[in-house]
PDB file of all heavy atoms in Angstrom:
ATOM      1  N   ASP A   1       0.869  -1.211   0.002  1.00  0.00           N
ATOM      2  CA  ASP A   1       0.017  -0.006   0.007  1.00  0.00           C
ATOM      3  C   ASP A   1       0.873   1.257   0.006  1.00  0.00           C
ATOM      4  O   ASP A   1       1.499   1.552   0.994  1.00  0.00           O
ATOM      5  CB  ASP A   1      -0.922   0.007   1.215  1.00  0.00           C
ATOM      6  CG  ASP A   1      -1.977   1.106   1.166  1.00  0.00           C
ATOM      7  OD1 ASP A   1      -1.860   2.048   0.373  1.00  0.00           O
ATOM      8  OD2 ASP A   1      -2.955   1.007   1.915  1.00  0.00           O
ATOM      9  N   LEU A   2       0.937   1.894  -1.182  1.00  0.00           N
ATOM     10  CA  LEU A   2       1.689   3.156  -1.314  1.00  0.00           C
ATOM     11  C   LEU A   2       0.747   4.277  -1.609  1.00  0.00           C
ATOM     12  O   LEU A   2       1.080   5.241  -2.336  1.00  0.00           O
ATOM     13  CB  LEU A   2       2.744   2.975  -2.400  1.00  0.00           C
ATOM     14  CG  LEU A   2       3.844   1.952  -2.138  1.00  0.00           C
ATOM     15  CD1 LEU A   2       4.735   1.796  -3.386  1.00  0.00           C
ATOM     16  CD2 LEU A   2       4.671   2.329  -0.938  1.00  0.00           C
ATOM     17  N   SER A   3      -0.436   4.265  -1.060  1.00  0.00           N
ATOM     18  CA  SER A   3      -1.452   5.268  -1.285  1.00  0.00           C
ATOM     19  C   SER A   3      -0.983   6.609  -0.748  1.00  0.00           C
ATOM     20  O   SER A   3      -0.208   6.691   0.196  1.00  0.00           O
ATOM     21  CB  SER A   3      -2.748   4.903  -0.574  1.00  0.00           C
ATOM     22  OG  SER A   3      -3.230   3.665  -1.033  1.00  0.00           O
ATOM     23  N   ASP A   4      -1.535   7.645  -1.359  1.00  0.00           N
ATOM     24  CA  ASP A   4      -1.310   9.027  -0.842  1.00  0.00           C
ATOM     25  C   ASP A   4       0.140   9.424  -0.716  1.00  0.00           C
ATOM     26  O   ASP A   4       0.571   9.957   0.290  1.00  0.00           O
ATOM     27  CB  ASP A   4      -2.044   9.203   0.501  1.00  0.00           C
ATOM     28  CG  ASP A   4      -3.555   9.004   0.367  1.00  0.00           C
ATOM     29  OD1 ASP A   4      -4.169   9.817  -0.265  1.00  0.00           O
ATOM     30  OD2 ASP A   4      -4.061   7.946   0.832  1.00  0.00           O
ATOM     31  N   ASN A   5       0.913   9.151  -1.783  1.00  0.00           N
ATOM     32  CA  ASN A   5       2.254   9.586  -1.870  1.00  0.00           C
ATOM     33  C   ASN A   5       2.339  10.562  -3.049  1.00  0.00           C
ATOM     34  O   ASN A   5       1.337  11.167  -3.432  1.00  0.00           O
ATOM     35  CB  ASN A   5       3.241   8.376  -2.084  1.00  0.00           C
ATOM     36  CG  ASN A   5       3.598   7.713  -0.800  1.00  0.00           C
ATOM     37  OD1 ASN A   5       4.501   8.188  -0.073  1.00  0.00           O
ATOM     38  ND2 ASN A   5       2.938   6.613  -0.467  1.00  0.00           N
ATOM     39  N   GLN A   6       3.487  10.678  -3.646  1.00  0.00           N
ATOM     40  CA  GLN A   6       3.667  11.565  -4.811  1.00  0.00           C
ATOM     41  C   GLN A   6       4.138  10.787  -6.018  1.00  0.00           C
ATOM     42  O   GLN A   6       4.782  11.352  -6.921  1.00  0.00           O
ATOM     43  CB  GLN A   6       4.695  12.646  -4.506  1.00  0.00           C
ATOM     44  CG  GLN A   6       4.370  13.486  -3.260  1.00  0.00           C
ATOM     45  CD  GLN A   6       3.124  14.329  -3.470  1.00  0.00           C
ATOM     46  OE1 GLN A   6       2.933  14.911  -4.492  1.00  0.00           O
ATOM     47  NE2 GLN A   6       2.247  14.305  -2.463  1.00  0.00           N
ATOM     48  N   ILE A   7       3.798   9.459  -6.091  1.00  0.00           N
ATOM     49  CA  ILE A   7       4.315   8.607  -7.132  1.00  0.00           C
ATOM     50  C   ILE A   7       3.790   9.032  -8.503  1.00  0.00           C
ATOM     51  O   ILE A   7       2.622   9.160  -8.720  1.00  0.00           O
ATOM     52  CB  ILE A   7       3.904   7.152  -6.837  1.00  0.00           C
ATOM     53  CG1 ILE A   7       4.535   6.665  -5.516  1.00  0.00           C
ATOM     54  CG2 ILE A   7       4.360   6.229  -8.008  1.00  0.00           C
ATOM     55  CD1 ILE A   7       4.007   5.363  -5.024  1.00  0.00           C
ATOM     56  N   TYR A   8       4.759   9.273  -9.359  1.00  0.00           N
ATOM     57  CA  TYR A   8       4.420   9.644 -10.751  1.00  0.00           C
ATOM     58  C   TYR A   8       4.968   8.643 -11.766  1.00  0.00           C
ATOM     59  O   TYR A   8       4.632   8.624 -12.926  1.00  0.00           O
ATOM     60  CB  TYR A   8       4.857  11.038 -11.095  1.00  0.00           C
ATOM     61  CG  TYR A   8       6.387  11.216 -11.172  1.00  0.00           C
ATOM     62  CD1 TYR A   8       7.025  11.037 -12.416  1.00  0.00           C
ATOM     63  CD2 TYR A   8       7.151  11.453 -10.040  1.00  0.00           C
ATOM     64  CE1 TYR A   8       8.424  11.160 -12.486  1.00  0.00           C
ATOM     65  CE2 TYR A   8       8.494  11.590 -10.144  1.00  0.00           C
ATOM     66  CZ  TYR A   8       9.165  11.443 -11.355  1.00  0.00           C
ATOM     67  OH  TYR A   8      10.510  11.558 -11.427  1.00  0.00           O
ATOM     68  N   LEU A   9       5.867   7.763 -11.264  1.00  0.00           N
ATOM     69  CA  LEU A   9       6.571   6.842 -12.155  1.00  0.00           C
ATOM     70  C   LEU A   9       6.739   5.467 -11.512  1.00  0.00           C
ATOM     71  O   LEU A   9       7.144   5.380 -10.333  1.00  0.00           O
ATOM     72  CB  LEU A   9       7.934   7.399 -12.515  1.00  0.00           C
ATOM     73  CG  LEU A   9       8.828   6.543 -13.444  1.00  0.00           C
ATOM     74  CD1 LEU A   9       8.229   6.407 -14.829  1.00  0.00           C
ATOM     75  CD2 LEU A   9      10.206   7.157 -13.531  1.00  0.00           C
ATOM     76  N   THR A  10       6.444   4.447 -12.252  1.00  0.00           N
ATOM     77  CA  THR A  10       6.773   3.107 -11.909  1.00  0.00           C
ATOM     78  C   THR A  10       7.596   2.550 -13.080  1.00  0.00           C
ATOM     79  O   THR A  10       7.180   2.583 -14.195  1.00  0.00           O
ATOM     80  CB  THR A  10       5.539   2.191 -11.684  1.00  0.00           C
ATOM     81  OG1 THR A  10       4.784   2.158 -12.882  1.00  0.00           O
ATOM     82  CG2 THR A  10       4.706   2.694 -10.530  1.00  0.00           C
ATOM     83  N   GLU A  11       8.775   2.099 -12.765  1.00  0.00           N
ATOM     84  CA  GLU A  11       9.654   1.540 -13.829  1.00  0.00           C
ATOM     85  C   GLU A  11       9.024   0.291 -14.429  1.00  0.00           C
ATOM     86  O   GLU A  11       8.354  -0.469 -13.735  1.00  0.00           O
ATOM     87  CB  GLU A  11      11.029   1.223 -13.245  1.00  0.00           C
ATOM     88  CG  GLU A  11      11.796   2.406 -12.763  1.00  0.00           C
ATOM     89  CD  GLU A  11      13.138   2.003 -12.148  1.00  0.00           C
ATOM     90  OE1 GLU A  11      13.562   0.834 -12.302  1.00  0.00           O
ATOM     91  OE2 GLU A  11      13.777   2.895 -11.550  1.00  0.00           O
ATOM     92  N   ASP A  12       9.188   0.078 -15.697  1.00  0.00           N
ATOM     93  CA  ASP A  12       8.670  -1.090 -16.372  1.00  0.00           C
ATOM     94  C   ASP A  12       9.240  -2.333 -15.721  1.00  0.00           C
ATOM     95  O   ASP A  12      10.423  -2.387 -15.328  1.00  0.00           O
ATOM     96  CB  ASP A  12       9.045  -1.130 -17.860  1.00  0.00           C
ATOM     97  CG  ASP A  12       8.081  -0.243 -18.692  1.00  0.00           C
ATOM     98  OD1 ASP A  12       7.098   0.255 -18.161  1.00  0.00           O
ATOM     99  OD2 ASP A  12       8.344  -0.087 -19.900  1.00  0.00           O
ATOM    100  N   LYS A  13       8.400  -3.338 -15.598  1.00  0.00           N
ATOM    101  CA  LYS A  13       8.771  -4.659 -15.036  1.00  0.00           C
ATOM    102  C   LYS A  13       9.364  -4.586 -13.612  1.00  0.00           C
ATOM    103  O   LYS A  13      10.051  -5.467 -13.178  1.00  0.00           O
ATOM    104  CB  LYS A  13       9.799  -5.362 -15.970  1.00  0.00           C
ATOM    105  CG  LYS A  13       9.296  -5.588 -17.354  1.00  0.00           C
ATOM    106  CD  LYS A  13      10.313  -6.237 -18.225  1.00  0.00           C
ATOM    107  CE  LYS A  13       9.850  -6.349 -19.650  1.00  0.00           C
ATOM    108  NZ  LYS A  13      10.899  -6.924 -20.527  1.00  0.00           N
ATOM    109  N   ILE A  14       9.023  -3.552 -12.888  1.00  0.00           N
ATOM    110  CA  ILE A  14       9.535  -3.346 -11.532  1.00  0.00           C
ATOM    111  C   ILE A  14       9.020  -4.399 -10.560  1.00  0.00           C
ATOM    112  O   ILE A  14       9.670  -4.698  -9.570  1.00  0.00           O
ATOM    113  CB  ILE A  14       9.289  -1.917 -11.069  1.00  0.00           C
ATOM    114  CG1 ILE A  14      10.245  -1.566  -9.936  1.00  0.00           C
ATOM    115  CG2 ILE A  14       7.848  -1.712 -10.583  1.00  0.00           C
ATOM    116  CD1 ILE A  14      11.677  -1.486 -10.349  1.00  0.00           C
ATOM    117  N   PHE A  15       7.874  -4.982 -10.886  1.00  0.00           N
ATOM    118  CA  PHE A  15       7.287  -5.967  -9.975  1.00  0.00           C
ATOM    119  C   PHE A  15       7.577  -7.390 -10.406  1.00  0.00           C
ATOM    120  O   PHE A  15       6.942  -8.341 -10.000  1.00  0.00           O
ATOM    121  CB  PHE A  15       5.789  -5.783  -9.878  1.00  0.00           C
ATOM    122  CG  PHE A  15       5.381  -4.431  -9.315  1.00  0.00           C
ATOM    123  CD1 PHE A  15       4.758  -3.467 -10.142  1.00  0.00           C
ATOM    124  CD2 PHE A  15       5.569  -4.132  -7.982  1.00  0.00           C
ATOM    125  CE1 PHE A  15       4.411  -2.246  -9.634  1.00  0.00           C
ATOM    126  CE2 PHE A  15       5.189  -2.922  -7.465  1.00  0.00           C
ATOM    127  CZ  PHE A  15       4.572  -1.993  -8.275  1.00  0.00           C
ATOM    128  N   ILE A  16       8.555  -7.594 -11.213  1.00  0.00           N
ATOM    129  CA  ILE A  16       8.863  -8.898 -11.833  1.00  0.00           C
ATOM    130  C   ILE A  16       9.161 -10.006 -10.785  1.00  0.00           C
ATOM    131  O   ILE A  16       8.946 -11.153 -11.012  1.00  0.00           O
ATOM    132  CB  ILE A  16       9.997  -8.804 -12.858  1.00  0.00           C
ATOM    133  CG1 ILE A  16       9.985  -9.974 -13.841  1.00  0.00           C
ATOM    134  CG2 ILE A  16      11.346  -8.639 -12.231  1.00  0.00           C
ATOM    135  CD1 ILE A  16       8.972  -9.857 -14.899  1.00  0.00           C
ATOM    136  N   TYR A  17       9.664  -9.578  -9.585  1.00  0.00           N
ATOM    137  CA  TYR A  17       9.957 -10.564  -8.533  1.00  0.00           C
ATOM    138  C   TYR A  17       8.875 -10.675  -7.445  1.00  0.00           C
ATOM    139  O   TYR A  17       9.078 -11.356  -6.453  1.00  0.00           O
ATOM    140  CB  TYR A  17      11.323 -10.224  -7.918  1.00  0.00           C
ATOM    141  CG  TYR A  17      12.448 -10.286  -8.889  1.00  0.00           C
ATOM    142  CD1 TYR A  17      13.087  -9.116  -9.309  1.00  0.00           C
ATOM    143  CD2 TYR A  17      12.897 -11.507  -9.372  1.00  0.00           C
ATOM    144  CE1 TYR A  17      14.117  -9.145 -10.242  1.00  0.00           C
ATOM    145  CE2 TYR A  17      13.924 -11.567 -10.321  1.00  0.00           C
ATOM    146  CZ  TYR A  17      14.512 -10.387 -10.724  1.00  0.00           C
ATOM    147  OH  TYR A  17      15.520 -10.437 -11.633  1.00  0.00           O
ATOM    148  N   GLN A  18       7.804  -9.965  -7.660  1.00  0.00           N
ATOM    149  CA  GLN A  18       6.730  -9.996  -6.673  1.00  0.00           C
ATOM    150  C   GLN A  18       5.657 -11.046  -7.045  1.00  0.00           C
ATOM    151  O   GLN A  18       4.450 -10.742  -7.131  1.00  0.00           O
ATOM    152  CB  GLN A  18       6.081  -8.607  -6.558  1.00  0.00           C
ATOM    153  CG  GLN A  18       6.692  -7.700  -5.537  1.00  0.00           C
ATOM    154  CD  GLN A  18       8.171  -7.495  -5.661  1.00  0.00           C
ATOM    155  OE1 GLN A  18       8.652  -7.120  -6.700  1.00  0.00           O
ATOM    156  NE2 GLN A  18       8.884  -7.734  -4.594  1.00  0.00           N
ATOM    157  N   HIS A  19       6.050 -12.277  -7.134  1.00  0.00           N
ATOM    158  CA  HIS A  19       5.130 -13.369  -7.541  1.00  0.00           C
ATOM    159  C   HIS A  19       4.052 -13.676  -6.503  1.00  0.00           C
ATOM    160  O   HIS A  19       3.042 -14.264  -6.841  1.00  0.00           O
ATOM    161  CB  HIS A  19       5.935 -14.664  -7.798  1.00  0.00           C
ATOM    162  CG  HIS A  19       6.991 -14.502  -8.854  1.00  0.00           C
ATOM    163  ND1 HIS A  19       6.732 -14.300 -10.136  1.00  0.00           N
ATOM    164  CD2 HIS A  19       8.377 -14.519  -8.727  1.00  0.00           C
ATOM    165  CE1 HIS A  19       7.850 -14.191 -10.845  1.00  0.00           C
ATOM    166  NE2 HIS A  19       8.860 -14.326  -9.998  1.00  0.00           N
ATOM    167  N   ARG A  20       4.265 -13.267  -5.266  1.00  0.00           N
ATOM    168  CA  ARG A  20       3.276 -13.577  -4.207  1.00  0.00           C
ATOM    169  C   ARG A  20       2.301 -12.433  -3.975  1.00  0.00           C
ATOM    170  O   ARG A  20       1.363 -12.607  -3.224  1.00  0.00           O
ATOM    171  CB  ARG A  20       4.045 -13.870  -2.902  1.00  0.00           C
ATOM    172  CG  ARG A  20       4.886 -15.099  -2.989  1.00  0.00           C
ATOM    173  CD  ARG A  20       5.698 -15.221  -1.688  1.00  0.00           C
ATOM    174  NE  ARG A  20       6.523 -16.408  -1.737  1.00  0.00           N
ATOM    175  CZ  ARG A  20       6.225 -17.535  -1.151  1.00  0.00           C
ATOM    176  NH1 ARG A  20       5.118 -17.652  -0.409  1.00  0.00           N
ATOM    177  NH2 ARG A  20       7.000 -18.595  -1.225  1.00  0.00           N
ATOM    178  N   LEU A  21       2.566 -11.301  -4.584  1.00  0.00           N
ATOM    179  CA  LEU A  21       1.747 -10.097  -4.308  1.00  0.00           C
ATOM    180  C   LEU A  21       0.282 -10.295  -4.708  1.00  0.00           C
ATOM    181  O   LEU A  21      -0.024 -10.642  -5.829  1.00  0.00           O
ATOM    182  CB  LEU A  21       2.330  -8.907  -5.028  1.00  0.00           C
ATOM    183  CG  LEU A  21       2.045  -7.532  -4.513  1.00  0.00           C
ATOM    184  CD1 LEU A  21       2.380  -7.376  -3.048  1.00  0.00           C
ATOM    185  CD2 LEU A  21       2.821  -6.464  -5.285  1.00  0.00           C
ATOM    186  N   LEU A  22      -0.624 -10.046  -3.752  1.00  0.00           N
ATOM    187  CA  LEU A  22      -2.079 -10.203  -3.976  1.00  0.00           C
ATOM    188  C   LEU A  22      -2.796  -8.832  -4.105  1.00  0.00           C
ATOM    189  O   LEU A  22      -3.805  -8.778  -4.758  1.00  0.00           O
ATOM    190  CB  LEU A  22      -2.704 -11.019  -2.870  1.00  0.00           C
ATOM    191  CG  LEU A  22      -2.160 -12.452  -2.652  1.00  0.00           C
ATOM    192  CD1 LEU A  22      -2.776 -13.062  -1.413  1.00  0.00           C
ATOM    193  CD2 LEU A  22      -2.484 -13.297  -3.889  1.00  0.00           C
ATOM    194  N   GLN A  23      -2.241  -7.840  -3.448  1.00  0.00           N
ATOM    195  CA  GLN A  23      -2.880  -6.541  -3.409  1.00  0.00           C
ATOM    196  C   GLN A  23      -1.881  -5.404  -3.612  1.00  0.00           C
ATOM    197  O   GLN A  23      -0.817  -5.404  -2.995  1.00  0.00           O
ATOM    198  CB  GLN A  23      -3.571  -6.247  -2.069  1.00  0.00           C
ATOM    199  CG  GLN A  23      -4.685  -7.146  -1.675  1.00  0.00           C
ATOM    200  CD  GLN A  23      -5.241  -6.731  -0.306  1.00  0.00           C
ATOM    201  OE1 GLN A  23      -5.297  -5.565   0.005  1.00  0.00           O
ATOM    202  NE2 GLN A  23      -5.636  -7.719   0.433  1.00  0.00           N
ATOM    203  N   ILE A  24      -2.240  -4.460  -4.489  1.00  0.00           N
ATOM    204  CA  ILE A  24      -1.447  -3.236  -4.637  1.00  0.00           C
ATOM    205  C   ILE A  24      -2.419  -2.046  -4.572  1.00  0.00           C
ATOM    206  O   ILE A  24      -3.404  -2.031  -5.288  1.00  0.00           O
ATOM    207  CB  ILE A  24      -0.698  -3.171  -5.983  1.00  0.00           C
ATOM    208  CG1 ILE A  24       0.399  -4.199  -6.069  1.00  0.00           C
ATOM    209  CG2 ILE A  24      -0.047  -1.783  -6.130  1.00  0.00           C
ATOM    210  CD1 ILE A  24       1.189  -4.144  -7.351  1.00  0.00           C
ATOM    211  N   HIS A  25      -2.090  -1.119  -3.667  1.00  0.00           N
ATOM    212  CA  HIS A  25      -2.885   0.109  -3.538  1.00  0.00           C
ATOM    213  C   HIS A  25      -1.995   1.257  -3.900  1.00  0.00           C
ATOM    214  O   HIS A  25      -1.081   1.594  -3.114  1.00  0.00           O
ATOM    215  CB  HIS A  25      -3.426   0.191  -2.133  1.00  0.00           C
ATOM    216  CG  HIS A  25      -4.283  -0.972  -1.739  1.00  0.00           C
ATOM    217  ND1 HIS A  25      -5.614  -1.011  -2.042  1.00  0.00           N
ATOM    218  CD2 HIS A  25      -3.996  -2.110  -1.118  1.00  0.00           C
ATOM    219  CE1 HIS A  25      -6.118  -2.150  -1.608  1.00  0.00           C
ATOM    220  NE2 HIS A  25      -5.161  -2.841  -1.048  1.00  0.00           N
ATOM    221  N   LEU A  26      -2.236   1.888  -5.035  1.00  0.00           N
ATOM    222  CA  LEU A  26      -1.487   3.043  -5.498  1.00  0.00           C
ATOM    223  C   LEU A  26      -2.394   4.257  -5.663  1.00  0.00           C
ATOM    224  O   LEU A  26      -2.113   5.149  -6.452  1.00  0.00           O
ATOM    225  CB  LEU A  26      -0.786   2.679  -6.820  1.00  0.00           C
ATOM    226  CG  LEU A  26       0.281   1.598  -6.794  1.00  0.00           C
ATOM    227  CD1 LEU A  26       0.715   1.224  -8.212  1.00  0.00           C
ATOM    228  CD2 LEU A  26       1.454   2.040  -5.963  1.00  0.00           C
ATOM    229  N   ASN A  27      -3.489   4.242  -4.940  1.00  0.00           N
ATOM    230  CA  ASN A  27      -4.462   5.281  -5.089  1.00  0.00           C
ATOM    231  C   ASN A  27      -3.928   6.613  -4.558  1.00  0.00           C
ATOM    232  O   ASN A  27      -3.064   6.669  -3.667  1.00  0.00           O
ATOM    233  CB  ASN A  27      -5.817   4.917  -4.436  1.00  0.00           C
ATOM    234  CG  ASN A  27      -5.651   4.317  -3.087  1.00  0.00           C
ATOM    235  OD1 ASN A  27      -5.002   3.282  -2.912  1.00  0.00           O
ATOM    236  ND2 ASN A  27      -6.288   4.903  -2.088  1.00  0.00           N
ATOM    237  N   ASN A  28      -4.495   7.676  -5.134  1.00  0.00           N
ATOM    238  CA  ASN A  28      -4.148   9.068  -4.725  1.00  0.00           C
ATOM    239  C   ASN A  28      -2.670   9.347  -4.860  1.00  0.00           C
ATOM    240  O   ASN A  28      -1.986   9.810  -3.950  1.00  0.00           O
ATOM    241  CB  ASN A  28      -4.663   9.365  -3.325  1.00  0.00           C
ATOM    242  CG  ASN A  28      -6.142   9.164  -3.200  1.00  0.00           C
ATOM    243  OD1 ASN A  28      -6.891   9.587  -4.092  1.00  0.00           O
ATOM    244  ND2 ASN A  28      -6.595   8.535  -2.163  1.00  0.00           N
ATOM    245  N   ASN A  29      -2.144   9.130  -6.042  1.00  0.00           N
ATOM    246  CA  ASN A  29      -0.787   9.444  -6.395  1.00  0.00           C
ATOM    247  C   ASN A  29      -0.831  10.296  -7.672  1.00  0.00           C
ATOM    248  O   ASN A  29      -1.848  10.930  -7.909  1.00  0.00           O
ATOM    249  CB  ASN A  29       0.057   8.193  -6.600  1.00  0.00           C
ATOM    250  CG  ASN A  29       0.555   7.620  -5.289  1.00  0.00           C
ATOM    251  OD1 ASN A  29       1.414   8.180  -4.681  1.00  0.00           O
ATOM    252  ND2 ASN A  29      -0.012   6.490  -4.857  1.00  0.00           N
ATOM    253  N   LYS A  30       0.248  10.351  -8.403  1.00  0.00           N
ATOM    254  CA  LYS A  30       0.327  11.170  -9.628  1.00  0.00           C
ATOM    255  C   LYS A  30       0.676  10.367 -10.875  1.00  0.00           C
ATOM    256  O   LYS A  30       1.288  10.827 -11.783  1.00  0.00           O
ATOM    257  CB  LYS A  30       1.343  12.313  -9.423  1.00  0.00           C
ATOM    258  CG  LYS A  30       0.888  13.244  -8.328  1.00  0.00           C
ATOM    259  CD  LYS A  30       1.902  14.334  -8.114  1.00  0.00           C
ATOM    260  CE  LYS A  30       1.463  15.266  -6.993  1.00  0.00           C
ATOM    261  NZ  LYS A  30       2.385  16.386  -6.773  1.00  0.00           N
ATOM    262  N   ILE A  31       0.317   9.092 -10.880  1.00  0.00           N
ATOM    263  CA  ILE A  31       0.612   8.180 -11.944  1.00  0.00           C
ATOM    264  C   ILE A  31      -0.207   8.595 -13.213  1.00  0.00           C
ATOM    265  O   ILE A  31      -1.408   8.702 -13.143  1.00  0.00           O
ATOM    266  CB  ILE A  31       0.310   6.719 -11.597  1.00  0.00           C
ATOM    267  CG1 ILE A  31       1.200   6.351 -10.409  1.00  0.00           C
ATOM    268  CG2 ILE A  31       0.553   5.799 -12.772  1.00  0.00           C
ATOM    269  CD1 ILE A  31       0.821   5.004  -9.749  1.00  0.00           C
ATOM    270  N   SER A  32       0.488   8.809 -14.298  1.00  0.00           N
ATOM    271  CA  SER A  32      -0.235   9.208 -15.538  1.00  0.00           C
ATOM    272  C   SER A  32      -0.110   8.168 -16.640  1.00  0.00           C
ATOM    273  O   SER A  32      -0.917   8.190 -17.565  1.00  0.00           O
ATOM    274  CB  SER A  32       0.364  10.567 -16.033  1.00  0.00           C
ATOM    275  OG  SER A  32       1.680  10.441 -16.334  1.00  0.00           O
ATOM    276  N   ASN A  33       0.825   7.269 -16.514  1.00  0.00           N
ATOM    277  CA  ASN A  33       1.056   6.347 -17.604  1.00  0.00           C
ATOM    278  C   ASN A  33       1.222   4.932 -17.032  1.00  0.00           C
ATOM    279  O   ASN A  33       2.086   4.690 -16.184  1.00  0.00           O
ATOM    280  CB  ASN A  33       2.280   6.742 -18.392  1.00  0.00           C
ATOM    281  CG  ASN A  33       2.477   5.877 -19.596  1.00  0.00           C
ATOM    282  OD1 ASN A  33       1.564   5.395 -20.211  1.00  0.00           O
ATOM    283  ND2 ASN A  33       3.763   5.611 -19.947  1.00  0.00           N
ATOM    284  N   ILE A  34       0.448   3.992 -17.559  1.00  0.00           N
ATOM    285  CA  ILE A  34       0.641   2.568 -17.287  1.00  0.00           C
ATOM    286  C   ILE A  34       0.641   1.860 -18.594  1.00  0.00           C
ATOM    287  O   ILE A  34      -0.038   2.287 -19.551  1.00  0.00           O
ATOM    288  CB  ILE A  34      -0.438   1.984 -16.313  1.00  0.00           C
ATOM    289  CG1 ILE A  34      -1.865   2.191 -16.850  1.00  0.00           C
ATOM    290  CG2 ILE A  34      -0.267   2.600 -14.926  1.00  0.00           C
ATOM    291  CD1 ILE A  34      -2.929   1.503 -16.035  1.00  0.00           C
ATOM    292  N   ASN A  35       1.368   0.767 -18.688  1.00  0.00           N
ATOM    293  CA  ASN A  35       1.391  -0.003 -19.941  1.00  0.00           C
ATOM    294  C   ASN A  35       1.492  -1.498 -19.614  1.00  0.00           C
ATOM    295  O   ASN A  35       1.443  -1.881 -18.475  1.00  0.00           O
ATOM    296  CB  ASN A  35       2.580   0.453 -20.862  1.00  0.00           C
ATOM    297  CG  ASN A  35       3.947   0.228 -20.172  1.00  0.00           C
ATOM    298  OD1 ASN A  35       4.226  -0.924 -19.750  1.00  0.00           O
ATOM    299  ND2 ASN A  35       4.732   1.245 -20.060  1.00  0.00           N
ATOM    300  N   ASN A  36       1.612  -2.329 -20.656  1.00  0.00           N
ATOM    301  CA  ASN A  36       1.543  -3.788 -20.429  1.00  0.00           C
ATOM    302  C   ASN A  36       2.793  -4.317 -19.688  1.00  0.00           C
ATOM    303  O   ASN A  36       2.812  -5.464 -19.310  1.00  0.00           O
ATOM    304  CB  ASN A  36       1.292  -4.521 -21.707  1.00  0.00           C
ATOM    305  CG  ASN A  36       2.394  -4.321 -22.726  1.00  0.00           C
ATOM    306  OD1 ASN A  36       3.248  -3.436 -22.570  1.00  0.00           O
ATOM    307  ND2 ASN A  36       2.367  -5.085 -23.782  1.00  0.00           N
ATOM    308  N   ASN A  37       3.792  -3.474 -19.427  1.00  0.00           N
ATOM    309  CA  ASN A  37       4.969  -3.906 -18.671  1.00  0.00           C
ATOM    310  C   ASN A  37       4.928  -3.350 -17.239  1.00  0.00           C
ATOM    311  O   ASN A  37       5.753  -3.748 -16.395  1.00  0.00           O
ATOM    312  CB  ASN A  37       6.266  -3.478 -19.333  1.00  0.00           C
ATOM    313  CG  ASN A  37       6.608  -4.339 -20.514  1.00  0.00           C
ATOM    314  OD1 ASN A  37       6.473  -5.559 -20.440  1.00  0.00           O
ATOM    315  ND2 ASN A  37       7.034  -3.731 -21.552  1.00  0.00           N
TER     316      ASN A  37
END
């Protein structure tokens, strides 16, 4: 849960090692671009 930060960028394939992750909360940030990576 990284809600309510100033996140504007997530590097491509950054979650490649998070095979167990069930929930991601990125709400209330500044993310403008998401893609298939």
